N, C-alpha and C. Protein backbone atom coordinates (compact mmCIF):
# COMPACT_ATOMS: atom_id res chain seq x y z
N MET A 1 -12.02 -51.37 26.75
CA MET A 1 -13.93 -51.06 26.50
C MET A 1 -13.59 -49.17 26.38
N LYS A 2 -11.55 -49.17 27.40
CA LYS A 2 -11.78 -47.26 27.21
C LYS A 2 -12.23 -47.22 25.72
N ARG A 3 -11.14 -47.34 25.24
CA ARG A 3 -10.88 -47.26 23.59
C ARG A 3 -11.81 -47.38 22.94
N LEU A 4 -13.13 -48.23 22.89
CA LEU A 4 -13.71 -48.30 21.90
C LEU A 4 -15.30 -46.81 22.47
N PHE A 5 -14.56 -46.78 24.15
CA PHE A 5 -16.01 -46.02 24.20
C PHE A 5 -14.28 -44.02 23.96
N ASP A 6 -12.89 -44.06 23.92
CA ASP A 6 -12.86 -42.95 23.35
C ASP A 6 -12.68 -42.49 21.58
N ILE A 7 -13.24 -43.79 21.57
CA ILE A 7 -13.37 -43.51 18.91
C ILE A 7 -14.54 -43.16 18.85
N ILE A 8 -15.51 -44.02 20.03
CA ILE A 8 -17.11 -43.31 19.19
C ILE A 8 -17.39 -42.28 19.15
N PHE A 9 -17.03 -41.08 20.66
CA PHE A 9 -16.57 -40.21 21.02
C PHE A 9 -16.09 -39.19 20.55
N SER A 10 -15.08 -39.61 20.47
CA SER A 10 -13.83 -38.28 19.24
C SER A 10 -15.01 -39.22 17.99
N PHE A 11 -15.29 -39.69 17.80
CA PHE A 11 -16.15 -39.72 15.78
C PHE A 11 -16.99 -38.86 16.05
N ILE A 12 -17.84 -39.02 16.51
CA ILE A 12 -18.73 -38.03 17.15
C ILE A 12 -18.45 -36.72 17.41
N GLY A 13 -17.54 -35.94 18.27
CA GLY A 13 -16.93 -34.29 18.60
C GLY A 13 -16.62 -33.78 17.37
N ILE A 14 -15.90 -35.30 16.21
CA ILE A 14 -15.70 -34.53 14.90
C ILE A 14 -16.57 -34.32 14.01
N VAL A 15 -17.23 -35.15 13.74
CA VAL A 15 -19.65 -34.91 12.70
C VAL A 15 -19.49 -33.69 13.43
N ILE A 16 -19.49 -34.08 14.72
CA ILE A 16 -20.33 -31.85 15.46
C ILE A 16 -19.29 -30.81 15.29
N LEU A 17 -18.31 -31.26 15.20
CA LEU A 17 -17.40 -29.89 14.90
C LEU A 17 -17.21 -29.06 13.73
N SER A 18 -17.58 -30.52 12.17
CA SER A 18 -17.66 -30.19 11.52
C SER A 18 -16.97 -28.71 10.57
N PRO A 19 -18.10 -28.98 10.83
CA PRO A 19 -19.18 -27.42 10.47
C PRO A 19 -17.90 -26.71 11.13
N VAL A 20 -17.67 -26.54 11.76
CA VAL A 20 -17.48 -25.42 12.20
C VAL A 20 -15.13 -25.57 12.26
N ILE A 21 -15.20 -27.27 12.08
CA ILE A 21 -13.88 -27.15 11.19
C ILE A 21 -13.84 -26.10 9.72
N LEU A 22 -14.82 -27.18 8.95
CA LEU A 22 -14.74 -26.88 7.97
C LEU A 22 -14.76 -24.57 7.19
N ALA A 23 -15.54 -24.48 8.15
CA ALA A 23 -16.48 -22.43 8.27
C ALA A 23 -14.24 -22.38 8.29
N THR A 24 -13.70 -22.93 9.31
CA THR A 24 -12.15 -22.15 9.60
C THR A 24 -11.36 -22.28 8.66
N CYS A 25 -10.47 -23.50 7.60
CA CYS A 25 -10.73 -23.93 7.09
C CYS A 25 -11.29 -22.32 5.68
N ILE A 26 -12.18 -21.98 5.15
CA ILE A 26 -12.26 -21.55 3.96
C ILE A 26 -13.02 -19.59 4.91
N ALA A 27 -12.42 -19.71 5.96
CA ALA A 27 -11.91 -17.83 7.02
C ALA A 27 -10.37 -18.85 6.10
N ILE A 28 -9.42 -18.97 6.79
CA ILE A 28 -8.13 -18.68 6.21
C ILE A 28 -7.91 -18.95 4.87
N LYS A 29 -8.59 -19.55 3.77
CA LYS A 29 -7.86 -19.96 2.72
C LYS A 29 -8.78 -18.10 2.15
N LEU A 30 -10.14 -17.93 2.55
CA LEU A 30 -10.39 -17.11 1.92
C LEU A 30 -9.52 -15.19 2.22
N TYR A 31 -8.94 -14.80 3.29
CA TYR A 31 -7.91 -14.15 4.45
C TYR A 31 -6.87 -13.65 3.51
N ASP A 32 -5.79 -15.07 3.37
CA ASP A 32 -4.96 -14.82 2.16
C ASP A 32 -3.92 -15.76 2.06
N ARG A 33 -4.74 -16.36 1.80
CA ARG A 33 -4.49 -17.77 -0.90
C ARG A 33 -3.83 -18.16 0.31
N GLY A 34 -3.00 -18.80 1.67
CA GLY A 34 -1.82 -18.92 1.38
C GLY A 34 -2.12 -20.46 2.49
N PRO A 35 -1.99 -21.63 2.26
CA PRO A 35 -2.49 -22.69 3.38
C PRO A 35 -3.03 -22.42 4.10
N VAL A 36 -3.61 -23.78 4.48
CA VAL A 36 -5.42 -23.99 5.66
C VAL A 36 -3.81 -24.47 6.80
N PHE A 37 -3.22 -25.39 6.56
CA PHE A 37 -2.50 -25.86 7.41
C PHE A 37 -1.51 -25.31 8.17
N TYR A 38 -0.96 -25.62 9.35
CA TYR A 38 0.68 -24.91 8.45
C TYR A 38 1.78 -27.24 9.99
N LYS A 39 3.09 -26.64 8.72
CA LYS A 39 2.98 -28.44 10.01
C LYS A 39 4.45 -27.67 9.39
N ALA A 40 4.74 -27.92 10.82
CA ALA A 40 6.01 -27.69 11.57
C ALA A 40 7.14 -29.48 12.82
N PRO A 41 7.71 -29.55 12.61
CA PRO A 41 8.93 -30.11 13.41
C PRO A 41 9.02 -30.28 15.39
N ARG A 42 8.73 -30.84 15.61
CA ARG A 42 7.82 -31.54 16.88
C ARG A 42 8.87 -32.04 17.80
N VAL A 43 9.86 -32.14 19.12
CA VAL A 43 10.06 -32.54 20.14
C VAL A 43 9.08 -33.72 20.40
N GLY A 44 8.83 -35.30 20.88
CA GLY A 44 7.67 -35.73 21.33
C GLY A 44 8.74 -36.43 23.09
N ARG A 45 7.82 -37.01 23.37
CA ARG A 45 8.00 -38.41 23.84
C ARG A 45 9.33 -38.77 23.95
N ASN A 46 10.82 -38.79 24.46
CA ASN A 46 11.90 -40.15 24.49
C ASN A 46 12.52 -38.79 23.67
N ALA A 47 12.38 -37.85 23.23
CA ALA A 47 12.63 -37.62 21.66
C ALA A 47 12.56 -37.57 20.74
N ILE A 48 11.56 -38.08 20.05
CA ILE A 48 11.21 -38.92 18.70
C ILE A 48 10.04 -37.36 17.91
N ILE A 49 10.34 -36.91 16.62
CA ILE A 49 10.48 -36.35 16.35
C ILE A 49 9.26 -36.04 16.07
N PHE A 50 8.26 -35.75 16.23
CA PHE A 50 6.49 -35.58 15.13
C PHE A 50 6.25 -33.96 14.52
N ARG A 51 5.78 -34.54 13.08
CA ARG A 51 5.51 -33.16 12.76
C ARG A 51 3.68 -33.21 13.87
N MET A 52 3.43 -31.56 13.96
CA MET A 52 2.21 -30.91 14.28
C MET A 52 2.76 -30.45 13.07
N ILE A 53 0.69 -30.91 13.44
CA ILE A 53 -0.51 -29.90 12.08
C ILE A 53 -1.57 -28.60 12.83
N LYS A 54 -1.84 -27.41 12.48
CA LYS A 54 -2.67 -27.45 13.19
C LYS A 54 -3.15 -25.90 12.57
N PHE A 55 -4.46 -25.40 12.54
CA PHE A 55 -5.16 -24.07 11.78
C PHE A 55 -2.73 -23.18 11.81
N ARG A 56 -3.17 -22.83 10.42
CA ARG A 56 -2.25 -21.65 10.19
C ARG A 56 -3.13 -20.20 10.35
N THR A 57 -2.15 -19.92 11.49
CA THR A 57 -2.60 -18.00 12.19
C THR A 57 -1.67 -17.35 12.05
N MET A 58 -0.35 -16.99 11.12
CA MET A 58 0.21 -16.44 10.99
C MET A 58 0.12 -16.10 9.30
N THR A 59 1.68 -15.59 8.91
CA THR A 59 1.96 -15.11 7.44
C THR A 59 1.71 -16.10 7.09
N VAL A 60 2.13 -16.59 5.54
CA VAL A 60 2.70 -16.92 5.01
C VAL A 60 4.01 -17.25 5.02
N ASN A 61 5.28 -17.59 5.37
CA ASN A 61 6.86 -18.05 5.56
C ASN A 61 6.83 -17.20 6.76
N ALA A 62 6.17 -17.20 8.10
CA ALA A 62 6.17 -16.43 9.09
C ALA A 62 7.46 -17.04 9.74
N ASP A 63 7.18 -18.76 9.86
CA ASP A 63 8.41 -18.59 10.07
C ASP A 63 9.61 -18.69 9.34
N LYS A 64 9.98 -18.51 8.53
CA LYS A 64 10.94 -18.75 7.81
C LYS A 64 11.75 -16.96 7.86
N ALA A 65 10.61 -15.95 7.63
CA ALA A 65 10.89 -14.69 7.50
C ALA A 65 11.81 -14.07 8.57
N GLY A 66 11.49 -15.11 9.56
CA GLY A 66 11.62 -14.53 11.65
C GLY A 66 10.94 -12.99 12.02
N ALA A 67 11.75 -13.04 12.69
CA ALA A 67 10.75 -11.71 13.19
C ALA A 67 10.96 -10.95 12.90
N SER A 68 10.17 -9.44 12.42
CA SER A 68 10.64 -9.08 11.35
C SER A 68 10.12 -6.75 12.39
């Protein structure tokens, strides 16, 4: 029952927030023409590596350039 509740309210949340997500994607793309999402490996529970995906809030290739 809890899983069904989680799925239904997650879907409703995505539908309600989709205009905000779309506006964020457009703003990132217009600001500097780079990719919208940043993907990076992270270590999770039991030392399992997973790929984290988030909106990019830094310059393109900032992770490769390092602190300057």
